[in-house]
């Protein structure tokens, strides 16, 4: 893998992680919506 391809792959992966995090944050901030990740872990406040 060339350094350019590695840098582009790293940038795309980091961007995807940031977008995923923003989506979880916005879903958690919305009213009456329980956030569940892919592993079945629920961030619920009781």
PDB file of N, CA and C in Angstrom:
ATOM      1  N   UNK A   1       0.866  -1.173   0.000  1.00  0.00           N
ATOM      2  CA  UNK A   1       0.000   0.000   0.000  1.00  0.00           C
ATOM      3  C   UNK A   1       0.908   1.229   0.000  1.00  0.00           C
ATOM      4  N   UNK A   2       0.583   2.153  -0.859  1.00  0.00           N
ATOM      5  CA  UNK A   2       1.388   3.375  -0.932  1.00  0.00           C
ATOM      6  C   UNK A   2       1.019   4.312   0.215  1.00  0.00           C
ATOM      7  N   UNK A   3       1.925   5.210   0.577  1.00  0.00           N
ATOM      8  CA  UNK A   3       1.610   6.159   1.653  1.00  0.00           C
ATOM      9  C   UNK A   3       0.379   7.024   1.360  1.00  0.00           C
ATOM     10  N   UNK A   4       0.152   7.343   0.106  1.00  0.00           N
ATOM     11  CA  UNK A   4      -1.014   8.160  -0.253  1.00  0.00           C
ATOM     12  C   UNK A   4      -2.304   7.373  -0.003  1.00  0.00           C
ATOM     13  N   UNK A   5      -2.322   6.110  -0.410  1.00  0.00           N
ATOM     14  CA  UNK A   5      -3.505   5.283  -0.179  1.00  0.00           C
ATOM     15  C   UNK A   5      -3.742   5.075   1.305  1.00  0.00           C
ATOM     16  N   UNK A   6      -2.662   4.883   2.059  1.00  0.00           N
ATOM     17  CA  UNK A   6      -2.799   4.702   3.506  1.00  0.00           C
ATOM     18  C   UNK A   6      -3.353   5.961   4.161  1.00  0.00           C
ATOM     19  N   UNK A   7      -2.897   7.125   3.721  1.00  0.00           N
ATOM     20  CA  UNK A   7      -3.387   8.385   4.279  1.00  0.00           C
ATOM     21  C   UNK A   7      -4.854   8.594   3.935  1.00  0.00           C
ATOM     22  N   UNK A   8      -5.243   8.286   2.711  1.00  0.00           N
ATOM     23  CA  UNK A   8      -6.647   8.428   2.313  1.00  0.00           C
ATOM     24  C   UNK A   8      -7.538   7.457   3.080  1.00  0.00           C
ATOM     25  N   UNK A   9      -7.084   6.220   3.252  1.00  0.00           N
ATOM     26  CA  UNK A   9      -7.850   5.247   4.006  1.00  0.00           C
ATOM     27  C   UNK A   9      -8.007   5.693   5.462  1.00  0.00           C
ATOM     28  N   UNK A  10      -6.938   6.195   6.048  1.00  0.00           N
ATOM     29  CA  UNK A  10      -7.006   6.683   7.426  1.00  0.00           C
ATOM     30  C   UNK A  10      -7.976   7.845   7.547  1.00  0.00           C
ATOM     31  N   UNK A  11      -7.950   8.757   6.588  1.00  0.00           N
ATOM     32  CA  UNK A  11      -8.849   9.908   6.604  1.00  0.00           C
ATOM     33  C   UNK A  11     -10.304   9.465   6.485  1.00  0.00           C
ATOM     34  N   UNK A  12     -10.579   8.529   5.589  1.00  0.00           N
ATOM     35  CA  UNK A  12     -11.952   8.044   5.397  1.00  0.00           C
ATOM     36  C   UNK A  12     -12.438   7.314   6.646  1.00  0.00           C
ATOM     37  N   UNK A  13     -11.578   6.501   7.241  1.00  0.00           N
ATOM     38  CA  UNK A  13     -11.975   5.779   8.442  1.00  0.00           C
ATOM     39  C   UNK A  13     -12.239   6.730   9.608  1.00  0.00           C
ATOM     40  N   UNK A  14     -11.399   7.721   9.783  1.00  0.00           N
ATOM     41  CA  UNK A  14     -11.599   8.700  10.847  1.00  0.00           C
ATOM     42  C   UNK A  14     -12.877   9.493  10.616  1.00  0.00           C
ATOM     43  N   UNK A  15     -13.138   9.863   9.374  1.00  0.00           N
ATOM     44  CA  UNK A  15     -14.372  10.588   9.051  1.00  0.00           C
ATOM     45  C   UNK A  15     -15.601   9.740   9.357  1.00  0.00           C
ATOM     46  N   UNK A  16     -15.542   8.455   9.030  1.00  0.00           N
ATOM     47  CA  UNK A  16     -16.671   7.571   9.294  1.00  0.00           C
ATOM     48  C   UNK A  16     -16.924   7.438  10.794  1.00  0.00           C
ATOM     49  N   UNK A  17     -15.863   7.337  11.573  1.00  0.00           N
ATOM     50  CA  UNK A  17     -16.019   7.238  13.028  1.00  0.00           C
ATOM     51  C   UNK A  17     -16.632   8.511  13.589  1.00  0.00           C
ATOM     52  N   UNK A  18     -16.204   9.659  13.092  1.00  0.00           N
ATOM     53  CA  UNK A  18     -16.753  10.931  13.565  1.00  0.00           C
ATOM     54  C   UNK A  18     -18.228  11.083  13.194  1.00  0.00           C
ATOM     55  N   UNK A  19     -18.594  10.681  11.984  1.00  0.00           N
ATOM     56  CA  UNK A  19     -19.994  10.762  11.562  1.00  0.00           C
ATOM     57  C   UNK A  19     -20.853   9.805  12.388  1.00  0.00           C
ATOM     58  N   UNK A  20     -20.349   8.602  12.648  1.00  0.00           N
ATOM     59  CA  UNK A  20     -21.074   7.645  13.482  1.00  0.00           C
ATOM     60  C   UNK A  20     -21.285   8.211  14.886  1.00  0.00           C
ATOM     61  N   UNK A  21     -20.249   8.807  15.441  1.00  0.00           N
ATOM     62  CA  UNK A  21     -20.359   9.405  16.772  1.00  0.00           C
ATOM     63  C   UNK A  21     -21.354  10.545  16.808  1.00  0.00           C
ATOM     64  N   UNK A  22     -21.357  11.366  15.770  1.00  0.00           N
ATOM     65  CA  UNK A  22     -22.315  12.470  15.709  1.00  0.00           C
ATOM     66  C   UNK A  22     -23.742  11.942  15.599  1.00  0.00           C
ATOM     67  N   UNK A  23     -23.920  10.862  14.864  1.00  0.00           N
ATOM     68  CA  UNK A  23     -25.253  10.266  14.742  1.00  0.00           C
ATOM     69  C   UNK A  23     -25.749   9.707  16.060  1.00  0.00           C
ATOM     70  N   UNK A  24     -24.884   9.021  16.797  1.00  0.00           N
ATOM     71  CA  UNK A  24     -25.270   8.488  18.104  1.00  0.00           C
ATOM     72  C   UNK A  24     -25.576   9.635  19.058  1.00  0.00           C
ATOM     73  N   UNK A  25     -24.754  10.681  19.029  1.00  0.00           N
ATOM     74  CA  UNK A  25     -24.975  11.827  19.916  1.00  0.00           C
ATOM     75  C   UNK A  25     -26.303  12.502  19.611  1.00  0.00           C
ATOM     76  N   UNK A  26     -26.600  12.718  18.328  1.00  0.00           N
ATOM     77  CA  UNK A  26     -27.847  13.394  17.983  1.00  0.00           C
ATOM     78  C   UNK A  26     -29.062  12.527  18.298  1.00  0.00           C
ATOM     79  N   UNK A  27     -28.951  11.219  18.116  1.00  0.00           N
ATOM     80  CA  UNK A  27     -30.058  10.324  18.461  1.00  0.00           C
ATOM     81  C   UNK A  27     -30.268  10.307  19.972  1.00  0.00           C
ATOM     82  N   UNK A  28     -29.185  10.361  20.720  1.00  0.00           N
ATOM     83  CA  UNK A  28     -29.281  10.375  22.173  1.00  0.00           C
ATOM     84  C   UNK A  28     -29.867  11.690  22.667  1.00  0.00           C
ATOM     85  N   UNK A  29     -29.578  12.782  21.971  1.00  0.00           N
ATOM     86  CA  UNK A  29     -30.065  14.096  22.387  1.00  0.00           C
ATOM     87  C   UNK A  29     -31.535  14.305  22.038  1.00  0.00           C
ATOM     88  N   UNK A  30     -32.051  13.526  21.096  1.00  0.00           N
ATOM     89  CA  UNK A  30     -33.452  13.693  20.714  1.00  0.00           C
ATOM     90  C   UNK A  30     -34.354  13.186  21.836  1.00  0.00           C
ATOM     91  N   UNK A  31     -35.551  13.688  21.849  1.00  0.00           N
ATOM     92  CA  UNK A  31     -36.461  13.349  22.953  1.00  0.00           C
ATOM     93  C   UNK A  31     -37.076  11.974  22.766  1.00  0.00           C
ATOM     94  N   UNK A  32     -37.175  11.248  23.882  1.00  0.00           N
ATOM     95  CA  UNK A  32     -37.846   9.955  23.952  1.00  0.00           C
ATOM     96  C   UNK A  32     -37.343   8.956  22.913  1.00  0.00           C
ATOM     97  N   UNK A  33     -36.045   8.921  22.690  1.00  0.00           N
ATOM     98  CA  UNK A  33     -35.469   7.975  21.753  1.00  0.00           C
ATOM     99  C   UNK A  33     -34.359   7.226  22.454  1.00  0.00           C
ATOM    100  N   UNK A  34     -34.490   5.919  22.555  1.00  0.00           N
ATOM    101  CA  UNK A  34     -33.481   5.102  23.205  1.00  0.00           C
ATOM    102  C   UNK A  34     -32.424   4.713  22.192  1.00  0.00           C
ATOM    103  N   UNK A  35     -31.175   4.985  22.522  1.00  0.00           N
ATOM    104  CA  UNK A  35     -30.074   4.672  21.625  1.00  0.00           C
ATOM    105  C   UNK A  35     -29.565   3.271  21.934  1.00  0.00           C
ATOM    106  N   UNK A  36     -29.451   2.450  20.892  1.00  0.00           N
ATOM    107  CA  UNK A  36     -28.926   1.103  21.028  1.00  0.00           C
ATOM    108  C   UNK A  36     -27.822   0.938  19.996  1.00  0.00           C
ATOM    109  N   UNK A  37     -26.634   0.523  20.456  1.00  0.00           N
ATOM    110  CA  UNK A  37     -25.566   0.295  19.486  1.00  0.00           C
ATOM    111  C   UNK A  37     -25.679  -1.122  18.928  1.00  0.00           C
ATOM    112  N   UNK A  38     -24.768  -1.509  18.084  1.00  0.00           N
ATOM    113  CA  UNK A  38     -24.817  -2.799  17.433  1.00  0.00           C
ATOM    114  C   UNK A  38     -24.653  -3.980  18.362  1.00  0.00           C
ATOM    115  N   UNK A  39     -24.182  -3.743  19.572  1.00  0.00           N
ATOM    116  CA  UNK A  39     -23.969  -4.840  20.517  1.00  0.00           C
ATOM    117  C   UNK A  39     -25.106  -4.982  21.508  1.00  0.00           C
ATOM    118  N   UNK A  40     -26.169  -4.207  21.353  1.00  0.00           N
ATOM    119  CA  UNK A  40     -27.310  -4.311  22.225  1.00  0.00           C
ATOM    120  C   UNK A  40     -27.160  -3.525  23.520  1.00  0.00           C
ATOM    121  N   UNK A  41     -26.163  -2.675  23.593  1.00  0.00           N
ATOM    122  CA  UNK A  41     -25.957  -1.854  24.780  1.00  0.00           C
ATOM    123  C   UNK A  41     -26.845  -0.624  24.669  1.00  0.00           C
ATOM    124  N   UNK A  42     -27.609  -0.350  25.713  1.00  0.00           N
ATOM    125  CA  UNK A  42     -28.544   0.765  25.686  1.00  0.00           C
ATOM    126  C   UNK A  42     -28.058   1.853  26.638  1.00  0.00           C
ATOM    127  N   UNK A  43     -28.023   3.082  26.148  1.00  0.00           N
ATOM    128  CA  UNK A  43     -27.661   4.215  26.997  1.00  0.00           C
ATOM    129  C   UNK A  43     -28.947   4.850  27.479  1.00  0.00           C
ATOM    130  N   UNK A  44     -29.533   4.312  28.530  1.00  0.00           N
ATOM    131  CA  UNK A  44     -30.806   4.804  29.048  1.00  0.00           C
ATOM    132  C   UNK A  44     -30.616   5.380  30.441  1.00  0.00           C
ATOM    133  N   UNK A  45     -31.193   6.532  30.665  1.00  0.00           N
ATOM    134  CA  UNK A  45     -31.158   7.171  31.974  1.00  0.00           C
ATOM    135  C   UNK A  45     -32.464   6.848  32.681  1.00  0.00           C
ATOM    136  N   UNK A  46     -32.351   6.325  33.897  1.00  0.00           N
ATOM    137  CA  UNK A  46     -33.574   5.955  34.613  1.00  0.00           C
ATOM    138  C   UNK A  46     -33.753   6.805  35.828  1.00  0.00           C
TER     139      UNK A  46
END
